[in-house]
Protein backbone atom coordinates (compact mmCIF):
# COMPACT_ATOMS: atom_id res chain seq x y z
CA UNK A 1 -47.90 113.36 21.06
CA UNK A 2 -47.03 115.04 17.79
CA UNK A 3 -45.56 118.53 18.09
CA UNK A 4 -46.74 121.51 16.07
CA UNK A 5 -44.31 122.43 13.36
CA UNK A 6 -42.84 125.90 13.72
CA UNK A 7 -44.29 128.65 11.49
CA UNK A 8 -42.13 129.52 8.58
CA UNK A 9 -40.20 132.75 8.89
CA UNK A 10 -41.14 134.00 5.44
CA UNK A 11 -44.35 135.59 6.79
CA UNK A 12 -42.36 138.08 8.82
CA UNK A 13 -40.23 138.77 5.85
CA UNK A 14 -43.37 139.26 3.75
CA UNK A 15 -44.81 141.73 6.25
CA UNK A 16 -41.59 143.72 6.31
CA UNK A 17 -41.35 143.72 2.56
CA UNK A 18 -44.95 144.84 2.14
CA UNK A 19 -44.41 147.65 4.60
CA UNK A 20 -41.33 148.80 2.72
CA UNK A 21 -43.23 148.60 -0.59
CA UNK A 22 -46.09 150.69 0.80
CA UNK A 23 -43.67 153.30 2.11
CA UNK A 24 -41.86 153.36 -1.22
CA UNK A 25 -45.10 153.81 -3.18
CA UNK A 26 -46.28 156.46 -0.75
CA UNK A 27 -43.05 158.40 -1.09
CA UNK A 28 -43.16 158.10 -4.88
CA UNK A 29 -46.78 159.36 -4.95
CA UNK A 30 -45.96 162.34 -2.79
CA UNK A 31 -43.10 163.30 -5.01
CA UNK A 32 -45.37 163.49 -8.02
CA UNK A 33 -47.67 166.10 -6.41
CA UNK A 34 -47.19 169.86 -7.06
CA UNK A 35 -45.34 171.58 -4.26
CA UNK A 36 -47.13 174.15 -2.14
CA UNK A 37 -46.47 177.81 -3.10
CA UNK A 38 -43.73 179.54 -1.18
CA UNK A 39 -45.40 181.63 1.54
CA UNK A 40 -44.72 185.37 1.73
CA UNK A 41 -42.29 186.49 4.40
CA UNK A 42 -43.89 187.74 7.62
CA UNK A 43 -44.77 191.44 7.63
CA UNK A 44 -42.35 192.53 10.31
CA UNK A 45 -41.44 196.19 10.44
CA UNK A 46 -37.76 196.38 9.43
CA UNK A 47 -35.40 198.84 11.10
CA UNK A 48 -35.10 202.33 9.66
CA UNK A 49 -32.55 202.66 6.84
CA UNK A 50 -29.10 203.68 7.98
CA UNK A 51 -27.56 206.74 6.37
CA UNK A 52 -24.57 206.10 4.17
CA UNK A 53 -21.28 207.92 4.06
CA UNK A 54 -22.80 210.78 2.06
CA UNK A 55 -25.67 211.25 4.51
CA UNK A 56 -28.30 209.91 2.07
CA UNK A 57 -30.56 207.07 3.26
CA UNK A 58 -29.42 203.60 2.27
CA UNK A 59 -31.54 202.06 -0.52
CA UNK A 60 -34.39 199.85 0.63
CA UNK A 61 -34.35 196.15 -0.21
CA UNK A 62 -36.23 195.14 -3.33
CA UNK A 63 -38.70 192.21 -3.31
CA UNK A 64 -37.37 188.83 -4.33
CA UNK A 65 -37.96 187.65 -7.87
CA UNK A 66 -41.43 186.17 -8.27
CA UNK A 67 -42.69 187.54 -4.96
CA UNK A 68 -46.12 189.14 -4.99
CA UNK A 69 -45.82 192.91 -4.53
CA UNK A 70 -48.13 194.53 -2.01
CA UNK A 71 -48.97 198.16 -2.52
CA UNK A 72 -50.85 201.12 -1.11
CA UNK A 73 -52.46 204.00 -3.00
CA UNK A 74 -52.43 207.54 -1.61
CA UNK A 75 -53.25 211.06 -2.79
CA UNK A 76 -51.02 214.05 -2.21
CA UNK A 77 -51.97 217.72 -2.17
CA UNK A 78 -49.79 220.78 -2.52
CA UNK A 79 -50.52 224.45 -3.00
CA UNK A 80 -48.25 227.41 -3.70
CA UNK A 81 -49.37 231.00 -3.24
CA UNK A 82 -48.13 234.22 -4.81
CA UNK A 83 -49.20 237.81 -5.19
CA UNK A 84 -50.92 238.78 -8.47
CA UNK A 85 -48.60 240.53 -10.88
CA UNK A 86 -50.56 240.79 -14.15
CA UNK A 87 -54.13 241.34 -15.32
CA UNK A 88 -55.79 239.72 -18.35
CA UNK A 89 -58.95 241.32 -19.73
CA UNK A 90 -61.14 240.68 -22.75
CA UNK A 91 -63.31 243.26 -24.54
CA UNK A 92 -66.26 242.35 -26.75
CA UNK A 93 -66.85 244.45 -29.86
CA UNK A 94 -70.20 243.90 -31.60
CA UNK A 95 -71.81 245.56 -34.60
CA UNK A 96 -75.24 245.03 -36.22
CA UNK A 97 -76.39 245.56 -39.76
CA UNK A 98 -79.10 244.20 -42.08
CA UNK A 99 -76.28 243.22 -44.44
CA UNK A 100 -74.02 240.37 -43.37
CA UNK A 101 -71.06 241.80 -45.31
CA UNK A 102 -71.57 245.29 -43.94
CA UNK A 103 -71.79 243.93 -40.38
CA UNK A 104 -68.42 242.18 -40.74
CA UNK A 105 -66.74 245.20 -42.33
CA UNK A 106 -68.05 247.55 -39.67
CA UNK A 107 -66.91 245.17 -36.92
CA UNK A 108 -63.39 245.02 -38.35
CA UNK A 109 -63.19 248.83 -38.41
CA UNK A 110 -64.49 249.09 -34.86
CA UNK A 111 -62.00 246.56 -33.53
CA UNK A 112 -59.13 248.37 -35.29
CA UNK A 113 -60.26 251.60 -33.67
CA UNK A 114 -60.26 250.02 -30.18
CA UNK A 115 -56.76 248.55 -30.70
CA UNK A 116 -55.39 251.84 -32.06
CA UNK A 117 -56.81 253.83 -29.15
CA UNK A 118 -55.30 251.42 -26.60
CA UNK A 119 -51.88 251.80 -28.24
CA UNK A 120 -52.19 255.60 -28.34
CA UNK A 121 -52.94 255.63 -24.60
CA UNK A 122 -49.75 253.70 -23.76
CA UNK A 123 -50.64 250.00 -23.95
CA UNK A 124 -47.79 248.16 -25.77
CA UNK A 125 -48.83 246.47 -29.00
CA UNK A 126 -47.27 243.20 -27.81
CA UNK A 127 -49.80 243.17 -24.96
CA UNK A 128 -52.81 243.38 -27.30
CA UNK A 129 -54.34 240.50 -29.22
CA UNK A 130 -57.64 240.28 -31.08
CA UNK A 131 -59.64 237.44 -32.55
CA UNK A 132 -61.28 237.27 -35.94
CA UNK A 133 -64.84 238.46 -36.16
CA UNK A 134 -67.70 235.99 -36.08
CA UNK A 135 -71.14 236.42 -37.62
CA UNK A 136 -74.39 235.46 -35.93
CA UNK A 137 -77.12 234.70 -38.43
CA UNK A 138 -80.66 235.80 -37.61
CA UNK A 139 -82.83 233.30 -35.82
CA UNK A 140 -85.69 233.52 -38.36
CA UNK A 141 -84.47 235.00 -41.68
CA UNK A 142 -87.21 235.83 -44.13
CA UNK A 143 -85.06 234.83 -47.13
CA UNK A 144 -81.64 233.40 -47.85
CA UNK A 145 -78.87 235.91 -48.69
CA UNK A 146 -77.94 236.31 -52.34
CA UNK A 147 -74.37 236.51 -53.60
CA UNK A 148 -72.89 239.74 -52.24
CA UNK A 149 -76.26 241.47 -52.16
CA UNK A 150 -77.60 243.42 -49.23
CA UNK A 151 -80.42 241.56 -47.56
CA UNK A 152 -83.62 243.53 -47.64
CA UNK A 153 -86.31 241.35 -46.20
CA UNK A 154 -88.77 243.83 -44.85
CA UNK A 155 -90.52 242.55 -41.76
CA UNK A 156 -90.38 238.96 -40.52
CA UNK A 157 -92.85 237.19 -38.32
CA UNK A 158 -91.85 239.35 -35.37
CA UNK A 159 -92.37 242.66 -37.13
CA UNK A 160 -88.67 243.70 -37.07
CA UNK A 161 -86.13 243.81 -39.93
CA UNK A 162 -83.58 240.98 -40.19
CA UNK A 163 -80.25 241.94 -38.57
CA UNK A 164 -76.81 240.33 -38.59
CA UNK A 165 -74.47 240.70 -35.62
CA UNK A 166 -70.71 240.53 -36.08
CA UNK A 167 -68.59 240.14 -32.94
CA UNK A 168 -64.90 240.08 -32.11
CA UNK A 169 -62.70 240.08 -29.02
CA UNK A 170 -59.82 242.33 -28.07
CA UNK A 171 -57.59 240.77 -25.40
CA UNK A 172 -55.25 242.92 -23.31
CA UNK A 173 -52.68 242.02 -20.66
CA UNK A 174 -50.95 244.49 -18.37
CA UNK A 175 -48.07 243.73 -16.02
CA UNK A 176 -48.93 246.67 -13.81
CA UNK A 177 -52.18 245.84 -12.03
CA UNK A 178 -52.67 249.49 -11.10
CA UNK A 179 -53.34 250.22 -14.81
CA UNK A 180 -56.32 247.82 -15.05
CA UNK A 181 -59.05 250.39 -14.35
CA UNK A 182 -57.58 252.88 -16.83
CA UNK A 183 -57.38 250.24 -19.58
CA UNK A 184 -61.05 249.34 -19.02
CA UNK A 185 -62.02 253.00 -19.41
CA UNK A 186 -59.97 253.36 -22.59
CA UNK A 187 -61.38 250.24 -24.20
CA UNK A 188 -65.01 251.11 -23.46
CA UNK A 189 -64.57 254.70 -24.62
CA UNK A 190 -62.97 253.52 -27.87
CA UNK A 191 -66.05 251.49 -28.83
CA UNK A 192 -65.95 248.15 -27.01
CA UNK A 193 -69.42 246.80 -26.31
CA UNK A 194 -68.60 245.16 -22.96
CA UNK A 195 -65.87 243.59 -20.84
CA UNK A 196 -66.23 239.81 -21.04
CA UNK A 197 -63.88 239.00 -18.20
CA UNK A 198 -60.90 240.06 -16.14
CA UNK A 199 -58.48 237.75 -14.32
CA UNK A 200 -55.51 238.41 -12.08
CA UNK A 201 -52.59 236.05 -12.65
CA UNK A 202 -49.25 235.41 -10.87
CA UNK A 203 -45.86 235.84 -12.45
CA UNK A 204 -44.30 232.62 -13.83
CA UNK A 205 -47.22 230.29 -13.06
CA UNK A 206 -45.29 227.24 -14.30
CA UNK A 207 -42.68 227.67 -11.58
CA UNK A 208 -45.42 227.95 -8.97
CA UNK A 209 -46.97 224.74 -10.29
CA UNK A 210 -43.66 222.90 -9.98
CA UNK A 211 -43.26 224.08 -6.38
CA UNK A 212 -46.81 222.93 -5.61
CA UNK A 213 -46.04 219.57 -7.22
CA UNK A 214 -43.02 219.06 -4.94
CA UNK A 215 -45.24 219.76 -1.92
CA UNK A 216 -47.80 217.25 -3.21
CA UNK A 217 -45.12 214.56 -3.58
CA UNK A 218 -43.92 215.15 -0.03
CA UNK A 219 -47.48 214.99 1.25
CA UNK A 220 -48.06 211.67 -0.53
CA UNK A 221 -44.81 210.19 0.81
CA UNK A 222 -45.71 211.21 4.36
CA UNK A 223 -49.16 209.62 4.11
CA UNK A 224 -47.70 206.43 2.62
CA UNK A 225 -45.22 206.06 5.49
CA UNK A 226 -48.00 206.35 8.08
CA UNK A 227 -50.24 203.86 6.29
CA UNK A 228 -47.42 201.37 5.83
CA UNK A 229 -46.59 201.62 9.52
CA UNK A 230 -50.19 200.73 10.29
CA UNK A 231 -49.82 197.38 8.55
CA UNK A 232 -46.30 196.78 9.91
CA UNK A 233 -44.63 197.30 6.57
CA UNK A 234 -42.22 199.71 4.96
CA UNK A 235 -42.48 201.71 1.75
CA UNK A 236 -40.14 200.36 -0.92
CA UNK A 237 -40.59 202.55 -4.00
CA UNK A 238 -43.19 204.37 -6.05
CA UNK A 239 -44.87 202.26 -8.73
CA UNK A 240 -46.73 205.08 -10.47
CA UNK A 241 -47.42 208.80 -10.07
CA UNK A 242 -50.20 210.71 -11.84
CA UNK A 243 -51.61 214.20 -11.57
CA UNK A 244 -55.32 214.35 -10.82
CA UNK A 245 -57.50 216.65 -12.94
CA UNK A 246 -58.02 220.06 -11.43
CA UNK A 247 -61.44 221.39 -10.65
CA UNK A 248 -63.07 223.42 -13.41
CA UNK A 249 -62.12 227.07 -12.96
CA UNK A 250 -64.84 229.55 -12.26
CA UNK A 251 -65.67 231.89 -15.14
CA UNK A 252 -63.79 235.18 -14.86
CA UNK A 253 -65.74 237.94 -13.23
CA UNK A 254 -65.48 241.69 -13.49
CA UNK A 255 -63.63 243.22 -10.59
CA UNK A 256 -60.94 245.87 -10.45
CA UNK A 257 -59.83 244.95 -6.92
CA UNK A 258 -56.92 242.46 -7.06
CA UNK A 259 -56.93 239.60 -4.53
CA UNK A 260 -54.33 239.62 -1.78
CA UNK A 261 -52.79 236.39 -3.09
CA UNK A 262 -53.40 233.69 -5.66
CA UNK A 263 -53.25 229.92 -5.09
CA UNK A 264 -51.87 227.27 -7.44
CA UNK A 265 -53.11 223.86 -6.17
CA UNK A 266 -51.91 220.43 -7.33
CA UNK A 267 -53.37 216.99 -6.51
CA UNK A 268 -51.59 213.73 -7.37
CA UNK A 269 -52.11 209.99 -6.88
CA UNK A 270 -49.16 207.76 -6.03
CA UNK A 271 -49.00 203.96 -5.80
CA UNK A 272 -46.22 202.70 -3.50
CA UNK A 273 -44.89 199.16 -3.18
CA UNK A 274 -44.51 197.91 0.38
CA UNK A 275 -42.82 194.83 1.82
């Protein structure tokens, strides 16, 4: 009985070679693909910075190059108070005349009289300032003014002669708030038409603003630390700091009673990087 010839061994070799070829091609194909992006490190709350030899906190670690920076945005508020130490007041001086030129000339004389009387009563000249006069044209002039001529229009549609009003301001500052009422009396008696406004101000307001700004920065840093703790992170450094616009001040009123204290508020916005 004839025996079956043994199978050649090359089939096993072929299978092994094909497997190796497939693995080689697979490895080559994977190498040609773009690698996955490096993941961010886990947000684990690091230990508090250890003070150095000088007692200052050790600098916080900076993010690695190319790492995406996470950030938080906070607002800080600070206010500094002080007692009022000076008073600013503004007098209005108005004159009316059918002639535009005469109205301006009369207004200049009246303003000079108010300034001179304030100086004679003890107000230093350096504390007095006045603006140039302005002219308000009539709402419905009957005719245009001629060169240098007095306007004589008779009656307009409302049955009254045309009038021109010239106005100017005399501004006074006193560094003794107890003198405010006396200055108001002097200015009105000298010919001022009205008091436009009076404001009490602190001494050296710029220094008060700087102190309020420091408080606002501390407030922002405190808020940032709490928020970062909530997301298990730590504040690294400030990316940007900007002062927020202040609210529009109220128009000055007329009061001779100074407030007990004045407030200088500051609001800022800070963007902090966190790890």
